[in-house]
Amino acid sequence: VEQPALVYIPNSFTPNADGVNDEFKIEGEGIEKIEMRIYDRWGNLVFYTNDKTKGWNGKFKGDFVPFDSYVYVVVVNNVIGHETTYRGSLNILR
């Protein structure tokens, strides 16, 4: 039986170093590989990772980005090799 990975993608986070919800990170079950890109509203790439254990801390070039809406493109491969692309927006709240 082929089953897609169960993927949770939050729609907002609060990178304020209080230890709660400080990172935009993809969670789920059955995820083998991940590729995540985050863009600002003008289409500039502000974050990229292909490490499924790494999330975005809300910084670009060492500084926190403004609280605003951003766009993500996430490609997830499950343990049997099925690839799914997710697109959406996320908000940074402070």
C-alpha atoms as a PDB file:
ATOM      1  CA  VAL A   1       0.000   0.000   0.000  1.00  0.00           C
ATOM      2  CA  GLU A   2       1.444   3.328  -1.036  1.00  0.00           C
ATOM      3  CA  GLN A   3       0.785   6.151   1.354  1.00  0.00           C
ATOM      4  CA  PRO A   4       1.928   9.750   1.005  1.00  0.00           C
ATOM      5  CA  ALA A   5       3.914  11.329   3.810  1.00  0.00           C
ATOM      6  CA  LEU A   6       1.895  13.071   6.492  1.00  0.00           C
ATOM      7  CA  VAL A   7       3.086  16.671   6.370  1.00  0.00           C
ATOM      8  CA  TYR A   8       2.341  19.582   8.700  1.00  0.00           C
ATOM      9  CA  ILE A   9       3.228  23.068   7.464  1.00  0.00           C
ATOM     10  CA  PRO A  10       2.439  25.939   9.837  1.00  0.00           C
ATOM     11  CA  ASN A  11       1.029  29.204   8.485  1.00  0.00           C
ATOM     12  CA  SER A  12       2.773  31.531  10.947  1.00  0.00           C
ATOM     13  CA  PHE A  13       5.542  31.706  13.521  1.00  0.00           C
ATOM     14  CA  THR A  14       7.029  34.160  16.005  1.00  0.00           C
ATOM     15  CA  PRO A  15      10.840  34.353  15.849  1.00  0.00           C
ATOM     16  CA  ASN A  16      11.400  36.361  19.025  1.00  0.00           C
ATOM     17  CA  ALA A  17      13.803  34.045  20.918  1.00  0.00           C
ATOM     18  CA  ASP A  18      11.305  33.159  23.653  1.00  0.00           C
ATOM     19  CA  GLY A  19      11.712  29.449  22.950  1.00  0.00           C
ATOM     20  CA  VAL A  20       8.139  29.033  21.678  1.00  0.00           C
ATOM     21  CA  ASN A  21       7.296  28.868  17.966  1.00  0.00           C
ATOM     22  CA  ASP A  22      10.612  30.519  17.022  1.00  0.00           C
ATOM     23  CA  GLU A  23      11.192  28.512  13.855  1.00  0.00           C
ATOM     24  CA  PHE A  24       9.271  27.731  10.671  1.00  0.00           C
ATOM     25  CA  LYS A  25       9.802  24.013  10.315  1.00  0.00           C
ATOM     26  CA  ILE A  26       8.118  21.232   8.382  1.00  0.00           C
ATOM     27  CA  GLU A  27       7.018  18.304  10.544  1.00  0.00           C
ATOM     28  CA  GLY A  28       5.441  14.995   9.672  1.00  0.00           C
ATOM     29  CA  GLU A  29       5.735  11.244   9.303  1.00  0.00           C
ATOM     30  CA  GLY A  30       7.178   9.249   6.436  1.00  0.00           C
ATOM     31  CA  ILE A  31       9.320  12.123   5.168  1.00  0.00           C
ATOM     32  CA  GLU A  32      12.512  10.895   3.540  1.00  0.00           C
ATOM     33  CA  LYS A  33      13.766  14.086   1.848  1.00  0.00           C
ATOM     34  CA  ILE A  34      12.703  17.693   1.884  1.00  0.00           C
ATOM     35  CA  GLU A  35      13.563  20.838  -0.052  1.00  0.00           C
ATOM     36  CA  MET A  36      12.242  24.147   1.266  1.00  0.00           C
ATOM     37  CA  ARG A  37      12.415  27.598  -0.280  1.00  0.00           C
ATOM     38  CA  ILE A  38      11.001  30.770   1.245  1.00  0.00           C
ATOM     39  CA  TYR A  39      10.524  33.977  -0.737  1.00  0.00           C
ATOM     40  CA  ASP A  40       9.619  37.513   0.240  1.00  0.00           C
ATOM     41  CA  ARG A  41       6.731  39.328  -1.428  1.00  0.00           C
ATOM     42  CA  TRP A  42       9.012  40.516  -4.258  1.00  0.00           C
ATOM     43  CA  GLY A  43      10.154  36.998  -5.118  1.00  0.00           C
ATOM     44  CA  ASN A  44      13.583  37.188  -3.487  1.00  0.00           C
ATOM     45  CA  LEU A  45      14.794  33.925  -1.987  1.00  0.00           C
ATOM     46  CA  VAL A  46      15.330  34.511   1.744  1.00  0.00           C
ATOM     47  CA  PHE A  47      15.837  30.902   2.892  1.00  0.00           C
ATOM     48  CA  TYR A  48      16.694  27.519   1.410  1.00  0.00           C
ATOM     49  CA  THR A  49      17.356  24.122   2.932  1.00  0.00           C
ATOM     50  CA  ASN A  50      17.360  20.490   1.912  1.00  0.00           C
ATOM     51  CA  ASP A  51      17.951  19.331   5.493  1.00  0.00           C
ATOM     52  CA  LYS A  52      14.707  17.921   6.911  1.00  0.00           C
ATOM     53  CA  THR A  53      15.864  18.685  10.466  1.00  0.00           C
ATOM     54  CA  LYS A  54      16.461  22.388   9.782  1.00  0.00           C
ATOM     55  CA  GLY A  55      13.882  25.173   9.916  1.00  0.00           C
ATOM     56  CA  TRP A  56      13.913  28.900   9.186  1.00  0.00           C
ATOM     57  CA  ASN A  57      14.632  31.190  12.127  1.00  0.00           C
ATOM     58  CA  GLY A  58      13.228  34.291  10.412  1.00  0.00           C
ATOM     59  CA  LYS A  59      16.614  35.737   9.517  1.00  0.00           C
ATOM     60  CA  PHE A  60      18.100  36.748   6.186  1.00  0.00           C
ATOM     61  CA  LYS A  61      21.802  37.618   6.000  1.00  0.00           C
ATOM     62  CA  GLY A  62      21.974  37.598   9.802  1.00  0.00           C
ATOM     63  CA  ASP A  63      19.098  40.017  10.469  1.00  0.00           C
ATOM     64  CA  PHE A  64      15.476  39.321  11.265  1.00  0.00           C
ATOM     65  CA  VAL A  65      13.217  39.953   8.304  1.00  0.00           C
ATOM     66  CA  PRO A  66      10.257  42.336   8.768  1.00  0.00           C
ATOM     67  CA  PHE A  67       7.032  40.879  10.069  1.00  0.00           C
ATOM     68  CA  ASP A  68       5.110  40.281   6.877  1.00  0.00           C
ATOM     69  CA  SER A  69       3.762  37.515   4.653  1.00  0.00           C
ATOM     70  CA  TYR A  70       6.182  35.193   2.863  1.00  0.00           C
ATOM     71  CA  VAL A  71       5.722  32.425   0.306  1.00  0.00           C
ATOM     72  CA  TYR A  72       7.028  28.887   0.684  1.00  0.00           C
ATOM     73  CA  VAL A  73       7.613  26.105  -1.811  1.00  0.00           C
ATOM     74  CA  VAL A  74       8.253  22.764  -0.150  1.00  0.00           C
ATOM     75  CA  VAL A  75       9.042  19.538  -2.011  1.00  0.00           C
ATOM     76  CA  VAL A  76       8.661  16.399   0.110  1.00  0.00           C
ATOM     77  CA  ASN A  77       9.713  12.873  -0.845  1.00  0.00           C
ATOM     78  CA  ASN A  78       8.221  10.083   1.239  1.00  0.00           C
ATOM     79  CA  VAL A  79       9.981   6.858   2.172  1.00  0.00           C
ATOM     80  CA  ILE A  80       8.825   5.104  -1.029  1.00  0.00           C
ATOM     81  CA  GLY A  81       9.993   7.933  -3.301  1.00  0.00           C
ATOM     82  CA  HIS A  82       6.680   9.693  -4.007  1.00  0.00           C
ATOM     83  CA  GLU A  83       7.250  13.447  -4.445  1.00  0.00           C
ATOM     84  CA  THR A  84       4.711  16.114  -3.461  1.00  0.00           C
ATOM     85  CA  THR A  85       5.069  19.880  -3.839  1.00  0.00           C
ATOM     86  CA  TYR A  86       3.372  22.234  -1.397  1.00  0.00           C
ATOM     87  CA  ARG A  87       2.977  25.975  -1.982  1.00  0.00           C
ATOM     88  CA  GLY A  88       1.515  28.516   0.371  1.00  0.00           C
ATOM     89  CA  SER A  89       2.044  31.589   2.465  1.00  0.00           C
ATOM     90  CA  LEU A  90       3.263  32.097   5.997  1.00  0.00           C
ATOM     91  CA  ASN A  91       3.192  35.047   8.341  1.00  0.00           C
ATOM     92  CA  ILE A  92       5.840  36.279  10.698  1.00  0.00           C
ATOM     93  CA  LEU A  93       4.323  37.709  13.853  1.00  0.00           C
ATOM     94  CA  ARG A  94       6.098  39.627  16.586  1.00  0.00           C
END
